[in-house]
Amino acid sequence: MSRIAVVILNWNGRAFLEKFLPSVTTLSDGADVWVADNGSTDDSIELIRKQFPTVKVLQFDQNYGFTGGYNKALEQIEAEYFVLLNSDIEVTPGWLNPLAEYMDAKPGVAACAPKLLSYDQRTDFEYAGASGGFIDRYGYPFCRGRILGTIERDNGQYNDIRDVFWASGASLFIRSRLYKEAGGLDDDFFAHMEEIDICWRLKNMGYRIAIVPQSVVYHVGGGTLPSTNPRKLFLNYRNNLFMLYKNLSDKSFHRTLLVRLLLDGLSAGMYLAKLQFGFFWAVPRAHFAFYKALGTLRAKRKQLQAARKTDHHAECYRGSIVTGYYLKGRKTFGQIKW
């Protein structure tokens, strides 16, 4: 069994592999590097075999999404630590060492992540994870360095190692044993919010999640499904409801879900007022998909509640990020009143 397996999920991503695999293969300090291919129809595999002979390849017959693709891959890979790494990430010298050293020293930490900076605006944080992820009481995720659409410049203000609520799936360093014990990524999500969901499950099981900003990577972001695509909005809304239903404590379950449904309705109204019909319809479609899945979600919730060891997470913000952002002007992490 290897110590660290860096696993890149690919779907028709030849350009990203050609651009970013060189940094991964040369700067990953002896880790095994894998590419799990989700049924690509381009020449990704041919490229890997010709130009990157040390990279190990798993080929699937179709696109199983981010969740299904990683689950299928990781059940076939033996390592102490898994690193789920997006194909559109440039790593930096020694990037794995701080992550591995921290995890070795902290057995109660299930997963951690490096600091994510923007590949195109290299002094700025990157949307997908910045310097550690959090969540508010209604399920809205945010980061140190990114609140809703406001992204901060990295001036070293978030360089301390600390516990967070979630670590970005763009570069997720996780104990393989706990990945499997938690049940892996939820296949029903397909893509988006899946890393928050598994981090929440692990925290409910009594483990911690951390950010280790001494490790830095650069992320392009939006490489497979851009923010202008209503499909991405649909997945985010639907999966957020899935995640809340599964992981909320009994104490806050009904109230939180009710408020979130109302807030989603207001959001749909805003899209309609802007004549963004594709985004408008994505919201009710997400809700219908959620209601349709309630039977499966009830079974999952029952199982997860039985495994729960704690209801309290200090990294869950007890206020509303949305109202703080729009009504009180709190647009950076440092302005949040915890």
Protein backbone atom coordinates (compact mmCIF):
# COMPACT_ATOMS: atom_id res chain seq x y z
CA MET A 1 0.00 0.00 0.00
CA SER A 2 1.37 3.40 -0.97
CA ARG A 3 1.42 6.33 1.44
CA ILE A 4 -0.27 8.98 -0.74
CA ALA A 5 -2.34 8.52 -3.89
CA VAL A 6 -3.08 11.69 -5.87
CA VAL A 7 -6.16 10.92 -7.94
CA ILE A 8 -7.32 13.15 -10.81
CA LEU A 9 -10.77 12.57 -12.28
CA ASN A 10 -10.88 13.31 -16.00
CA TRP A 11 -13.63 13.71 -18.55
CA ASN A 12 -12.56 14.99 -21.96
CA GLY A 13 -9.96 17.13 -20.24
CA ARG A 14 -6.96 16.61 -22.50
CA ALA A 15 -6.01 20.30 -22.48
CA PHE A 16 -5.99 20.45 -18.67
CA LEU A 17 -4.00 17.23 -18.39
CA GLU A 18 -1.40 18.44 -20.86
CA LYS A 19 -1.09 21.75 -19.03
CA PHE A 20 -1.20 20.67 -15.38
CA LEU A 21 -0.03 17.05 -15.14
CA PRO A 22 3.65 18.09 -15.47
CA SER A 23 3.48 20.01 -12.18
CA VAL A 24 1.64 17.18 -10.44
CA THR A 25 4.03 14.45 -11.59
CA THR A 26 7.21 16.40 -10.81
CA LEU A 27 6.19 18.16 -7.58
CA SER A 28 4.27 15.48 -5.69
CA ASP A 29 7.26 14.10 -3.76
CA GLY A 30 7.00 10.41 -4.60
CA ALA A 31 3.21 10.06 -4.31
CA ASP A 32 1.45 7.76 -6.73
CA VAL A 33 -0.38 9.79 -9.37
CA TRP A 34 -3.55 8.33 -10.89
CA VAL A 35 -5.94 9.51 -13.56
CA ALA A 36 -9.43 8.03 -13.39
CA ASP A 37 -11.11 8.56 -16.74
CA ASN A 38 -14.88 9.02 -16.79
CA GLY A 39 -15.53 7.63 -20.27
CA SER A 40 -13.73 10.36 -22.21
CA THR A 41 -14.20 10.52 -25.98
CA ASP A 42 -11.14 12.68 -26.64
CA ASP A 43 -7.54 11.44 -26.69
CA SER A 44 -6.86 12.00 -22.97
CA ILE A 45 -5.71 8.44 -22.34
CA GLU A 46 -3.47 8.39 -25.38
CA LEU A 47 -1.84 11.61 -24.18
CA ILE A 48 -1.17 10.19 -20.70
CA ARG A 49 0.33 6.98 -22.00
CA LYS A 50 2.61 8.81 -24.42
CA GLN A 51 3.73 11.77 -22.33
CA PHE A 52 3.22 10.66 -18.71
CA PRO A 53 4.18 6.97 -18.50
CA THR A 54 4.49 7.04 -14.67
CA VAL A 55 0.85 8.05 -14.24
CA LYS A 56 -1.47 5.14 -13.45
CA VAL A 57 -4.76 5.03 -15.37
CA LEU A 58 -8.22 3.72 -14.58
CA GLN A 59 -10.72 3.76 -17.46
CA PHE A 60 -14.50 3.73 -16.97
CA ASP A 61 -17.12 2.98 -19.58
CA GLN A 62 -19.13 6.19 -19.07
CA ASN A 63 -19.29 9.48 -17.16
CA TYR A 64 -20.23 8.63 -13.58
CA GLY A 65 -19.96 12.23 -12.43
CA PHE A 66 -17.58 13.60 -9.84
CA THR A 67 -19.03 11.47 -7.05
CA GLY A 68 -19.46 8.18 -8.86
CA GLY A 69 -16.16 8.50 -10.71
CA TYR A 70 -14.18 9.05 -7.53
CA ASN A 71 -15.98 6.30 -5.66
CA LYS A 72 -15.28 3.80 -8.44
CA ALA A 73 -11.65 4.87 -8.57
CA LEU A 74 -10.89 4.94 -4.85
CA GLU A 75 -12.35 1.51 -4.22
CA GLN A 76 -9.57 0.20 -6.49
CA ILE A 77 -6.67 2.19 -5.02
CA GLU A 78 -4.75 1.29 -1.86
CA ALA A 79 -3.10 4.16 0.03
CA GLU A 80 -2.99 5.65 3.52
CA TYR A 81 -4.12 9.04 2.19
CA PHE A 82 -6.16 9.94 -0.86
CA VAL A 83 -5.82 13.33 -2.55
CA LEU A 84 -8.79 14.21 -4.75
CA LEU A 85 -7.28 16.72 -7.18
CA ASN A 86 -9.09 18.57 -9.94
CA SER A 87 -7.53 18.36 -13.39
CA ASP A 88 -7.40 22.18 -13.63
CA ILE A 89 -5.00 22.69 -10.72
CA GLU A 90 -1.35 23.71 -10.80
CA VAL A 91 0.51 22.49 -7.72
CA THR A 92 3.59 24.12 -6.20
CA PRO A 93 6.91 22.73 -4.91
CA GLY A 94 6.48 20.76 -1.69
CA TRP A 95 2.69 21.15 -1.70
CA LEU A 96 2.01 17.70 -0.22
CA ASN A 97 4.48 17.89 2.68
CA PRO A 98 2.61 20.33 4.98
CA LEU A 99 -0.64 18.42 4.44
CA ALA A 100 0.86 15.02 5.21
CA GLU A 101 2.85 16.29 8.19
CA TYR A 102 -0.22 17.91 9.71
CA MET A 103 -2.39 14.82 9.22
CA ASP A 104 0.33 12.57 10.67
CA ALA A 105 0.44 14.76 13.79
CA LYS A 106 -3.35 15.11 14.18
CA PRO A 107 -5.08 11.72 14.17
CA GLY A 108 -8.42 13.37 15.00
CA VAL A 109 -8.41 15.27 11.71
CA ALA A 110 -10.15 13.37 8.93
CA ALA A 111 -9.32 15.67 6.02
CA CYS A 112 -7.58 18.91 5.14
CA ALA A 113 -6.92 21.10 2.14
CA PRO A 114 -4.28 23.52 0.84
CA LYS A 115 -4.92 27.20 0.23
CA LEU A 116 -6.57 27.67 -3.16
CA LEU A 117 -5.51 30.70 -5.20
CA SER A 118 -6.77 31.73 -8.60
CA TYR A 119 -4.74 30.49 -11.53
CA ASP A 120 -5.59 33.57 -13.62
CA GLN A 121 -5.47 36.17 -10.81
CA ARG A 122 -2.65 34.68 -8.79
CA THR A 123 -2.77 37.16 -5.92
CA ASP A 124 -6.47 36.41 -5.30
CA PHE A 125 -8.22 33.56 -3.55
CA GLU A 126 -10.11 31.07 -5.69
CA TYR A 127 -13.86 30.69 -5.35
CA ALA A 128 -14.00 26.93 -4.79
CA GLY A 129 -12.24 26.85 -1.43
CA ALA A 130 -10.00 29.86 -0.79
CA SER A 131 -8.46 29.35 2.68
CA GLY A 132 -11.03 27.02 4.22
CA GLY A 133 -14.77 26.47 4.00
CA PHE A 134 -17.60 27.23 6.41
CA ILE A 135 -21.39 27.09 6.34
CA ASP A 136 -24.16 29.22 7.82
CA ARG A 137 -27.27 28.02 9.67
CA TYR A 138 -29.27 27.78 6.44
CA GLY A 139 -26.72 25.76 4.51
CA TYR A 140 -25.03 28.53 2.52
CA PRO A 141 -21.31 27.80 2.13
CA PHE A 142 -18.61 30.45 2.28
CA CYS A 143 -14.85 30.63 2.74
CA ARG A 144 -12.06 32.55 4.38
CA GLY A 145 -11.35 34.73 1.38
CA ARG A 146 -14.69 34.37 -0.45
CA ILE A 147 -18.16 35.39 0.70
CA LEU A 148 -20.83 34.75 -1.96
CA GLY A 149 -19.50 36.61 -5.03
CA THR A 150 -16.84 38.70 -3.26
CA ILE A 151 -13.32 37.30 -3.54
CA GLU A 152 -10.48 38.77 -1.48
CA ARG A 153 -6.85 39.29 -2.35
CA ASP A 154 -4.46 37.01 -0.49
CA ASN A 155 -2.34 39.22 1.72
CA GLY A 156 -1.47 36.44 4.16
CA GLN A 157 -4.45 37.31 6.36
CA TYR A 158 -5.66 33.69 6.44
CA ASN A 159 -2.36 31.84 6.70
CA ASP A 160 -3.04 30.19 10.05
CA ILE A 161 -3.84 26.49 10.25
CA ARG A 162 -7.29 26.07 11.75
CA ASP A 163 -10.36 23.89 11.87
CA VAL A 164 -12.96 24.56 9.18
CA PHE A 165 -16.35 23.10 8.31
CA TRP A 166 -15.39 21.79 4.89
CA ALA A 167 -12.33 21.33 2.71
CA SER A 168 -12.59 21.94 -1.01
CA GLY A 169 -13.06 18.95 -3.28
CA ALA A 170 -10.76 20.67 -5.79
CA SER A 171 -7.85 19.47 -3.64
CA LEU A 172 -9.03 17.27 -0.80
CA PHE A 173 -6.45 15.42 1.34
CA ILE A 174 -8.31 12.70 3.27
CA ARG A 175 -7.59 9.56 5.25
CA SER A 176 -8.57 6.62 3.05
CA ARG A 177 -9.90 4.67 6.03
CA LEU A 178 -12.28 7.45 6.99
CA TYR A 179 -13.32 8.13 3.41
CA LYS A 180 -14.52 4.54 3.25
CA GLU A 181 -15.93 4.53 6.79
CA ALA A 182 -18.06 7.58 5.94
CA GLY A 183 -19.36 5.87 2.81
CA GLY A 184 -17.41 7.93 0.29
CA LEU A 185 -18.98 10.69 -1.76
CA ASP A 186 -22.74 10.47 -2.18
CA ASP A 187 -23.39 9.13 -5.69
CA ASP A 188 -26.80 10.82 -5.80
CA PHE A 189 -25.10 14.25 -5.85
CA PHE A 190 -23.33 13.55 -9.19
CA ALA A 191 -21.37 16.82 -8.79
CA HIS A 192 -21.29 19.96 -6.57
CA MET A 193 -21.59 20.19 -2.75
CA GLU A 194 -20.38 16.60 -2.41
CA GLU A 195 -17.24 17.59 -0.48
CA ILE A 196 -19.27 19.65 2.00
CA ASP A 197 -21.56 16.69 2.51
CA ILE A 198 -18.79 14.20 3.29
CA CYS A 199 -17.01 16.72 5.55
CA TRP A 200 -20.28 17.28 7.45
CA ARG A 201 -20.74 13.55 7.85
CA LEU A 202 -17.21 13.18 9.19
CA LYS A 203 -17.71 16.06 11.62
CA ASN A 204 -20.94 14.50 12.86
CA MET A 205 -18.91 11.34 13.45
CA GLY A 206 -16.63 13.34 15.75
CA TYR A 207 -13.71 14.08 13.41
CA ARG A 208 -12.21 17.44 12.48
CA ILE A 209 -11.56 19.13 9.12
CA ALA A 210 -8.69 21.59 8.67
CA ILE A 211 -7.10 24.08 6.32
CA VAL A 212 -3.30 24.05 5.96
CA PRO A 213 -2.41 27.26 4.05
CA GLN A 214 1.32 26.48 4.08
CA SER A 215 0.41 24.30 1.11
CA VAL A 216 -0.65 26.34 -1.94
CA VAL A 217 -2.22 25.34 -5.25
CA TYR A 218 -3.64 27.39 -8.14
CA HIS A 219 -7.08 26.55 -9.50
CA VAL A 220 -8.66 27.54 -12.81
CA GLY A 221 -12.21 26.74 -11.66
CA GLY A 222 -15.35 26.17 -13.72
CA GLY A 223 -13.44 23.96 -16.10
CA THR A 224 -16.12 21.34 -16.63
CA LEU A 225 -19.36 23.22 -15.86
CA PRO A 226 -19.16 27.03 -15.89
CA SER A 227 -21.23 29.24 -13.59
CA THR A 228 -23.20 30.49 -16.61
CA ASN A 229 -24.75 27.04 -17.05
CA PRO A 230 -28.20 26.58 -15.40
CA ARG A 231 -27.32 22.91 -14.89
CA LYS A 232 -24.72 23.98 -12.33
CA LEU A 233 -27.32 26.07 -10.48
CA PHE A 234 -29.73 23.13 -10.48
CA LEU A 235 -27.12 20.81 -8.98
CA ASN A 236 -26.11 23.33 -6.33
CA TYR A 237 -29.70 23.95 -5.17
CA ARG A 238 -30.74 20.31 -5.27
CA ASN A 239 -27.59 19.01 -3.60
CA ASN A 240 -27.73 21.64 -0.90
CA LEU A 241 -31.22 20.42 0.05
CA PHE A 242 -29.97 16.82 -0.06
CA MET A 243 -27.10 17.74 2.26
CA LEU A 244 -29.29 19.61 4.74
CA TYR A 245 -31.85 16.84 4.91
CA LYS A 246 -29.20 14.20 5.58
CA ASN A 247 -27.00 16.00 8.09
CA LEU A 248 -28.98 18.52 10.13
CA SER A 249 -29.53 17.70 13.78
CA ASP A 250 -33.06 16.90 14.92
CA LYS A 251 -33.13 20.16 16.86
CA SER A 252 -32.77 22.43 13.83
CA PHE A 253 -34.05 20.12 11.09
CA HIS A 254 -37.57 21.40 10.38
CA ARG A 255 -37.00 25.12 10.93
CA THR A 256 -33.84 25.24 8.84
CA LEU A 257 -35.36 23.37 5.92
CA LEU A 258 -38.48 25.55 5.94
CA VAL A 259 -36.48 28.78 5.92
CA ARG A 260 -34.20 27.46 3.18
CA LEU A 261 -37.15 26.55 0.97
CA LEU A 262 -38.51 30.08 1.38
CA LEU A 263 -35.12 31.64 0.59
CA ASP A 264 -34.85 29.51 -2.54
CA GLY A 265 -38.24 30.79 -3.63
CA LEU A 266 -37.05 34.38 -3.24
CA SER A 267 -33.95 33.53 -5.24
CA ALA A 268 -36.08 32.11 -8.06
CA GLY A 269 -38.12 35.32 -8.06
CA MET A 270 -34.94 37.36 -8.49
CA TYR A 271 -33.91 35.31 -11.52
CA LEU A 272 -37.38 35.74 -13.01
CA ALA A 273 -37.28 39.52 -12.46
CA LYS A 274 -33.98 39.60 -14.36
CA LEU A 275 -35.54 37.52 -17.19
CA GLN A 276 -32.95 34.78 -16.57
CA PHE A 277 -35.43 32.04 -17.39
CA GLY A 278 -32.94 29.17 -17.47
CA PHE A 279 -31.76 29.99 -13.95
CA PHE A 280 -35.33 30.58 -12.78
CA TRP A 281 -36.49 27.13 -13.88
CA ALA A 282 -33.39 25.50 -12.36
CA VAL A 283 -34.68 26.34 -8.87
CA PRO A 284 -38.14 24.64 -9.03
CA ARG A 285 -36.56 21.74 -10.92
CA ALA A 286 -34.10 21.33 -8.05
CA HIS A 287 -36.97 21.34 -5.54
CA PHE A 288 -38.99 18.78 -7.48
CA ALA A 289 -35.90 16.55 -7.65
CA PHE A 290 -35.49 16.95 -3.89
CA TYR A 291 -39.11 15.95 -3.17
CA LYS A 292 -38.78 12.98 -5.51
CA ALA A 293 -35.72 11.77 -3.59
CA LEU A 294 -37.29 12.03 -0.11
CA GLY A 295 -37.69 8.29 0.29
CA THR A 296 -34.00 7.67 -0.32
CA LEU A 297 -33.02 10.67 1.80
CA ARG A 298 -35.06 9.45 4.78
CA ALA A 299 -33.21 6.14 4.73
CA LYS A 300 -29.85 7.90 4.54
CA ARG A 301 -30.77 10.30 7.33
CA LYS A 302 -31.80 7.47 9.62
CA GLN A 303 -28.48 5.72 9.07
CA LEU A 304 -26.43 8.88 9.54
CA GLN A 305 -28.28 9.94 12.68
CA ALA A 306 -27.45 6.57 14.22
CA ALA A 307 -23.74 7.20 13.58
CA ARG A 308 -23.82 10.80 14.84
CA LYS A 309 -21.60 11.59 17.84
CA THR A 310 -22.03 15.36 18.04
CA ASP A 311 -24.53 18.07 17.11
CA HIS A 312 -22.32 21.07 17.80
CA HIS A 313 -19.86 22.48 15.26
CA ALA A 314 -18.17 25.78 16.05
CA GLU A 315 -17.40 26.23 12.35
CA CYS A 316 -21.10 26.52 11.51
CA TYR A 317 -22.04 30.21 11.53
CA ARG A 318 -25.22 30.73 13.54
CA GLY A 319 -26.31 33.76 11.54
CA SER A 320 -27.20 34.24 7.88
CA ILE A 321 -24.43 34.95 5.39
CA VAL A 322 -27.00 36.17 2.86
CA THR A 323 -28.61 38.81 5.08
CA GLY A 324 -25.24 39.86 6.45
CA TYR A 325 -23.90 40.31 2.92
CA TYR A 326 -26.82 42.17 1.36
CA LEU A 327 -28.29 44.05 4.32
CA LYS A 328 -25.26 44.71 6.54
CA GLY A 329 -22.46 44.90 4.00
CA ARG A 330 -20.40 42.09 5.53
CA LYS A 331 -18.57 40.96 2.41
CA THR A 332 -15.29 39.61 3.81
CA PHE A 333 -14.63 36.86 6.31
CA GLY A 334 -13.13 39.29 8.80
CA GLN A 335 -16.35 41.30 8.93
CA ILE A 336 -18.52 38.37 10.03
CA LYS A 337 -19.77 38.61 13.61
CA TRP A 338 -19.39 35.12 15.05
